[in-house]
């Protein structure tokens, strides 16, 4: 477990303030089993939404 001393908290806050603001990822990256499952589920939802939007 990580230390939660007052000093550690201050350091974390300083690091967070210094961090470069970046936009959130549109989708998770990586090749882990959890991410692959999540991407597969997201792709299925996108596919079904696209199918529902187009009159066939």
PDB file of N, CA and C in Angstrom:
ATOM      1  N   UNK A   1       0.839  -1.180   0.000  1.00  0.00           N
ATOM      2  CA  UNK A   1       0.000   0.000   0.000  1.00  0.00           C
ATOM      3  C   UNK A   1       0.884   1.243   0.000  1.00  0.00           C
ATOM      4  N   UNK A   2       0.478   2.291  -0.708  1.00  0.00           N
ATOM      5  CA  UNK A   2       1.285   3.493  -0.791  1.00  0.00           C
ATOM      6  C   UNK A   2       1.147   4.325   0.479  1.00  0.00           C
ATOM      7  N   UNK A   3       2.211   5.058   0.771  1.00  0.00           N
ATOM      8  CA  UNK A   3       2.215   5.900   1.966  1.00  0.00           C
ATOM      9  C   UNK A   3       1.315   7.113   1.745  1.00  0.00           C
ATOM     10  N   UNK A   4       0.537   7.488   2.764  1.00  0.00           N
ATOM     11  CA  UNK A   4      -0.364   8.632   2.657  1.00  0.00           C
ATOM     12  C   UNK A   4       0.015   9.705   3.672  1.00  0.00           C
ATOM     13  N   UNK A   5       1.312   9.989   3.772  1.00  0.00           N
ATOM     14  CA  UNK A   5       1.757  11.017   4.697  1.00  0.00           C
ATOM     15  C   UNK A   5       1.435  12.389   4.108  1.00  0.00           C
ATOM     16  N   UNK A   6       1.458  13.407   4.952  1.00  0.00           N
ATOM     17  CA  UNK A   6       1.182  14.773   4.498  1.00  0.00           C
ATOM     18  C   UNK A   6       2.168  15.199   3.413  1.00  0.00           C
ATOM     19  N   UNK A   7       3.418  14.803   3.591  1.00  0.00           N
ATOM     20  CA  UNK A   7       4.464  15.166   2.619  1.00  0.00           C
ATOM     21  C   UNK A   7       4.178  14.521   1.253  1.00  0.00           C
ATOM     22  N   UNK A   8       3.811  13.248   1.264  1.00  0.00           N
ATOM     23  CA  UNK A   8       3.507  12.539   0.008  1.00  0.00           C
ATOM     24  C   UNK A   8       2.322  13.186  -0.701  1.00  0.00           C
ATOM     25  N   UNK A   9       1.316  13.577   0.058  1.00  0.00           N
ATOM     26  CA  UNK A   9       0.131  14.214  -0.519  1.00  0.00           C
ATOM     27  C   UNK A   9       0.519  15.527  -1.187  1.00  0.00           C
ATOM     28  N   UNK A  10       1.372  16.316  -0.515  1.00  0.00           N
ATOM     29  CA  UNK A  10       1.829  17.594  -1.087  1.00  0.00           C
ATOM     30  C   UNK A  10       2.601  17.368  -2.379  1.00  0.00           C
ATOM     31  N   UNK A  11       3.469  16.352  -2.383  1.00  0.00           N
ATOM     32  CA  UNK A  11       4.248  16.050  -3.588  1.00  0.00           C
ATOM     33  C   UNK A  11       3.321  15.664  -4.727  1.00  0.00           C
ATOM     34  N   UNK A  12       2.317  14.834  -4.448  1.00  0.00           N
ATOM     35  CA  UNK A  12       1.367  14.419  -5.484  1.00  0.00           C
ATOM     36  C   UNK A  12       0.626  15.619  -6.057  1.00  0.00           C
ATOM     37  N   UNK A  13       0.230  16.544  -5.186  1.00  0.00           N
ATOM     38  CA  UNK A  13      -0.484  17.746  -5.638  1.00  0.00           C
ATOM     39  C   UNK A  13       0.406  18.590  -6.547  1.00  0.00           C
ATOM     40  N   UNK A  14       1.683  18.757  -6.161  1.00  0.00           N
ATOM     41  CA  UNK A  14       2.618  19.543  -6.972  1.00  0.00           C
ATOM     42  C   UNK A  14       2.824  18.893  -8.335  1.00  0.00           C
ATOM     43  N   UNK A  15       2.970  17.578  -8.344  1.00  0.00           N
ATOM     44  CA  UNK A  15       3.158  16.861  -9.609  1.00  0.00           C
ATOM     45  C   UNK A  15       1.925  17.001 -10.496  1.00  0.00           C
ATOM     46  N   UNK A  16       0.738  16.934  -9.893  1.00  0.00           N
ATOM     47  CA  UNK A  16      -0.505  17.065 -10.658  1.00  0.00           C
ATOM     48  C   UNK A  16      -0.616  18.455 -11.272  1.00  0.00           C
ATOM     49  N   UNK A  17      -0.176  19.457 -10.532  1.00  0.00           N
ATOM     50  CA  UNK A  17      -0.232  20.831 -11.043  1.00  0.00           C
ATOM     51  C   UNK A  17       0.727  21.041 -12.200  1.00  0.00           C
ATOM     52  N   UNK A  18       1.890  20.372 -12.126  1.00  0.00           N
ATOM     53  CA  UNK A  18       2.909  20.538 -13.165  1.00  0.00           C
ATOM     54  C   UNK A  18       2.613  19.735 -14.426  1.00  0.00           C
ATOM     55  N   UNK A  19       1.756  18.753 -14.317  1.00  0.00           N
ATOM     56  CA  UNK A  19       1.491  17.857 -15.450  1.00  0.00           C
ATOM     57  C   UNK A  19       0.911  18.627 -16.631  1.00  0.00           C
ATOM     58  N   UNK A  20       1.297  18.248 -17.821  1.00  0.00           N
ATOM     59  CA  UNK A  20       0.799  18.886 -19.038  1.00  0.00           C
ATOM     60  C   UNK A  20      -0.641  18.443 -19.260  1.00  0.00           C
ATOM     61  N   UNK A  21      -1.576  19.393 -19.432  1.00  0.00           N
ATOM     62  CA  UNK A  21      -2.963  18.982 -19.672  1.00  0.00           C
ATOM     63  C   UNK A  21      -3.110  18.344 -21.050  1.00  0.00           C
ATOM     64  N   UNK A  22      -3.654  17.164 -21.077  1.00  0.00           N
ATOM     65  CA  UNK A  22      -3.851  16.455 -22.343  1.00  0.00           C
ATOM     66  C   UNK A  22      -5.311  16.029 -22.440  1.00  0.00           C
ATOM     67  N   UNK A  23      -5.845  15.972 -23.659  1.00  0.00           N
ATOM     68  CA  UNK A  23      -7.237  15.526 -23.801  1.00  0.00           C
ATOM     69  C   UNK A  23      -7.374  14.056 -23.425  1.00  0.00           C
ATOM     70  N   UNK A  24      -8.554  13.696 -22.923  1.00  0.00           N
ATOM     71  CA  UNK A  24      -8.808  12.311 -22.560  1.00  0.00           C
ATOM     72  C   UNK A  24      -8.784  11.471 -23.835  1.00  0.00           C
ATOM     73  N   UNK A  25      -8.355  10.217 -23.700  1.00  0.00           N
ATOM     74  CA  UNK A  25      -8.337   9.316 -24.844  1.00  0.00           C
ATOM     75  C   UNK A  25      -9.759   9.022 -25.285  1.00  0.00           C
ATOM     76  N   UNK A  26      -9.961   8.972 -26.592  1.00  0.00           N
ATOM     77  CA  UNK A  26     -11.291   8.669 -27.100  1.00  0.00           C
ATOM     78  C   UNK A  26     -11.637   7.201 -26.841  1.00  0.00           C
ATOM     79  N   UNK A  27     -10.621   6.360 -26.791  1.00  0.00           N
ATOM     80  CA  UNK A  27     -10.825   4.954 -26.451  1.00  0.00           C
ATOM     81  C   UNK A  27      -9.539   4.445 -25.821  1.00  0.00           C
ATOM     82  N   UNK A  28      -9.625   3.426 -24.970  1.00  0.00           N
ATOM     83  CA  UNK A  28      -8.425   2.920 -24.302  1.00  0.00           C
ATOM     84  C   UNK A  28      -7.483   2.242 -25.284  1.00  0.00           C
ATOM     85  N   UNK A  29      -6.205   2.361 -25.029  1.00  0.00           N
ATOM     86  CA  UNK A  29      -5.192   1.736 -25.876  1.00  0.00           C
ATOM     87  C   UNK A  29      -4.650   0.524 -25.125  1.00  0.00           C
ATOM     88  N   UNK A  30      -4.057  -0.398 -25.848  1.00  0.00           N
ATOM     89  CA  UNK A  30      -3.397  -1.511 -25.188  1.00  0.00           C
ATOM     90  C   UNK A  30      -3.840  -2.854 -25.711  1.00  0.00           C
ATOM     91  N   UNK A  31      -3.157  -3.875 -25.231  1.00  0.00           N
ATOM     92  CA  UNK A  31      -3.390  -5.219 -25.724  1.00  0.00           C
ATOM     93  C   UNK A  31      -3.675  -6.186 -24.577  1.00  0.00           C
ATOM     94  N   UNK A  32      -4.143  -5.663 -23.444  1.00  0.00           N
ATOM     95  CA  UNK A  32      -4.463  -6.549 -22.332  1.00  0.00           C
ATOM     96  C   UNK A  32      -5.824  -7.183 -22.588  1.00  0.00           C
ATOM     97  N   UNK A  33      -6.103  -8.284 -21.916  1.00  0.00           N
ATOM     98  CA  UNK A  33      -7.359  -8.992 -22.155  1.00  0.00           C
ATOM     99  C   UNK A  33      -8.559  -8.122 -21.784  1.00  0.00           C
ATOM    100  N   UNK A  34      -8.427  -7.348 -20.706  1.00  0.00           N
ATOM    101  CA  UNK A  34      -9.530  -6.487 -20.275  1.00  0.00           C
ATOM    102  C   UNK A  34      -9.820  -5.410 -21.321  1.00  0.00           C
ATOM    103  N   UNK A  35      -8.778  -4.794 -21.840  1.00  0.00           N
ATOM    104  CA  UNK A  35      -8.957  -3.733 -22.845  1.00  0.00           C
ATOM    105  C   UNK A  35      -9.493  -4.315 -24.141  1.00  0.00           C
ATOM    106  N   UNK A  36      -8.994  -5.490 -24.519  1.00  0.00           N
ATOM    107  CA  UNK A  36      -9.477  -6.117 -25.756  1.00  0.00           C
ATOM    108  C   UNK A  36     -10.969  -6.429 -25.648  1.00  0.00           C
ATOM    109  N   UNK A  37     -11.401  -6.919 -24.472  1.00  0.00           N
ATOM    110  CA  UNK A  37     -12.825  -7.205 -24.249  1.00  0.00           C
ATOM    111  C   UNK A  37     -13.648  -5.922 -24.333  1.00  0.00           C
ATOM    112  N   UNK A  38     -13.119  -4.854 -23.696  1.00  0.00           N
ATOM    113  CA  UNK A  38     -13.820  -3.567 -23.687  1.00  0.00           C
ATOM    114  C   UNK A  38     -13.952  -3.011 -25.102  1.00  0.00           C
ATOM    115  N   UNK A  39     -12.864  -3.069 -25.888  1.00  0.00           N
ATOM    116  CA  UNK A  39     -12.890  -2.567 -27.263  1.00  0.00           C
ATOM    117  C   UNK A  39     -13.867  -3.378 -28.115  1.00  0.00           C
ATOM    118  N   UNK A  40     -13.883  -4.683 -27.885  1.00  0.00           N
ATOM    119  CA  UNK A  40     -14.791  -5.555 -28.637  1.00  0.00           C
ATOM    120  C   UNK A  40     -16.243  -5.179 -28.344  1.00  0.00           C
ATOM    121  N   UNK A  41     -16.540  -4.926 -27.062  1.00  0.00           N
ATOM    122  CA  UNK A  41     -17.887  -4.537 -26.663  1.00  0.00           C
ATOM    123  C   UNK A  41     -18.250  -3.167 -27.248  1.00  0.00           C
ATOM    124  N   UNK A  42     -17.299  -2.223 -27.202  1.00  0.00           N
ATOM    125  CA  UNK A  42     -17.535  -0.886 -27.759  1.00  0.00           C
ATOM    126  C   UNK A  42     -17.788  -0.958 -29.264  1.00  0.00           C
ATOM    127  N   UNK A  43     -17.036  -1.803 -29.956  1.00  0.00           N
ATOM    128  CA  UNK A  43     -17.191  -1.957 -31.397  1.00  0.00           C
ATOM    129  C   UNK A  43     -18.570  -2.524 -31.722  1.00  0.00           C
ATOM    130  N   UNK A  44     -19.011  -3.500 -30.933  1.00  0.00           N
ATOM    131  CA  UNK A  44     -20.341  -4.091 -31.134  1.00  0.00           C
ATOM    132  C   UNK A  44     -21.439  -3.069 -30.930  1.00  0.00           C
ATOM    133  N   UNK A  45     -21.307  -2.241 -29.888  1.00  0.00           N
ATOM    134  CA  UNK A  45     -22.312  -1.202 -29.628  1.00  0.00           C
ATOM    135  C   UNK A  45     -22.343  -0.192 -30.765  1.00  0.00           C
ATOM    136  N   UNK A  46     -21.163   0.209 -31.261  1.00  0.00           N
ATOM    137  CA  UNK A  46     -21.075   1.161 -32.367  1.00  0.00           C
ATOM    138  C   UNK A  46     -21.703   0.584 -33.619  1.00  0.00           C
ATOM    139  N   UNK A  47     -21.437  -0.714 -33.858  1.00  0.00           N
ATOM    140  CA  UNK A  47     -21.991  -1.382 -35.049  1.00  0.00           C
ATOM    141  C   UNK A  47     -23.509  -1.449 -34.994  1.00  0.00           C
ATOM    142  N   UNK A  48     -24.048  -1.778 -33.808  1.00  0.00           N
ATOM    143  CA  UNK A  48     -25.495  -1.876 -33.680  1.00  0.00           C
ATOM    144  C   UNK A  48     -26.148  -0.494 -33.771  1.00  0.00           C
ATOM    145  N   UNK A  49     -25.472   0.537 -33.241  1.00  0.00           N
ATOM    146  CA  UNK A  49     -26.017   1.898 -33.331  1.00  0.00           C
ATOM    147  C   UNK A  49     -26.039   2.366 -34.784  1.00  0.00           C
ATOM    148  N   UNK A  50     -24.979   2.018 -35.512  1.00  0.00           N
ATOM    149  CA  UNK A  50     -24.908   2.401 -36.933  1.00  0.00           C
ATOM    150  C   UNK A  50     -26.005   1.683 -37.725  1.00  0.00           C
ATOM    151  N   UNK A  51     -26.239   0.415 -37.429  1.00  0.00           N
ATOM    152  CA  UNK A  51     -27.265  -0.374 -38.107  1.00  0.00           C
ATOM    153  C   UNK A  51     -28.655   0.176 -37.818  1.00  0.00           C
ATOM    154  N   UNK A  52     -28.868   0.645 -36.568  1.00  0.00           N
ATOM    155  CA  UNK A  52     -30.164   1.199 -36.188  1.00  0.00           C
ATOM    156  C   UNK A  52     -30.393   2.559 -36.841  1.00  0.00           C
ATOM    157  N   UNK A  53     -29.316   3.306 -37.091  1.00  0.00           N
ATOM    158  CA  UNK A  53     -29.440   4.648 -37.665  1.00  0.00           C
ATOM    159  C   UNK A  53     -29.755   4.596 -39.165  1.00  0.00           C
ATOM    160  N   UNK A  54     -29.224   3.593 -39.852  1.00  0.00           N
ATOM    161  CA  UNK A  54     -29.447   3.507 -41.302  1.00  0.00           C
ATOM    162  C   UNK A  54     -30.698   2.682 -41.575  1.00  0.00           C
ATOM    163  N   UNK A  55     -31.651   3.245 -42.325  1.00  0.00           N
ATOM    164  CA  UNK A  55     -32.854   2.460 -42.663  1.00  0.00           C
ATOM    165  C   UNK A  55     -32.508   1.377 -43.685  1.00  0.00           C
ATOM    166  N   UNK A  56     -32.682   0.143 -43.299  1.00  0.00           N
ATOM    167  CA  UNK A  56     -32.339  -0.972 -44.203  1.00  0.00           C
ATOM    168  C   UNK A  56     -33.598  -1.760 -44.569  1.00  0.00           C
TER     169      UNK A  56
END
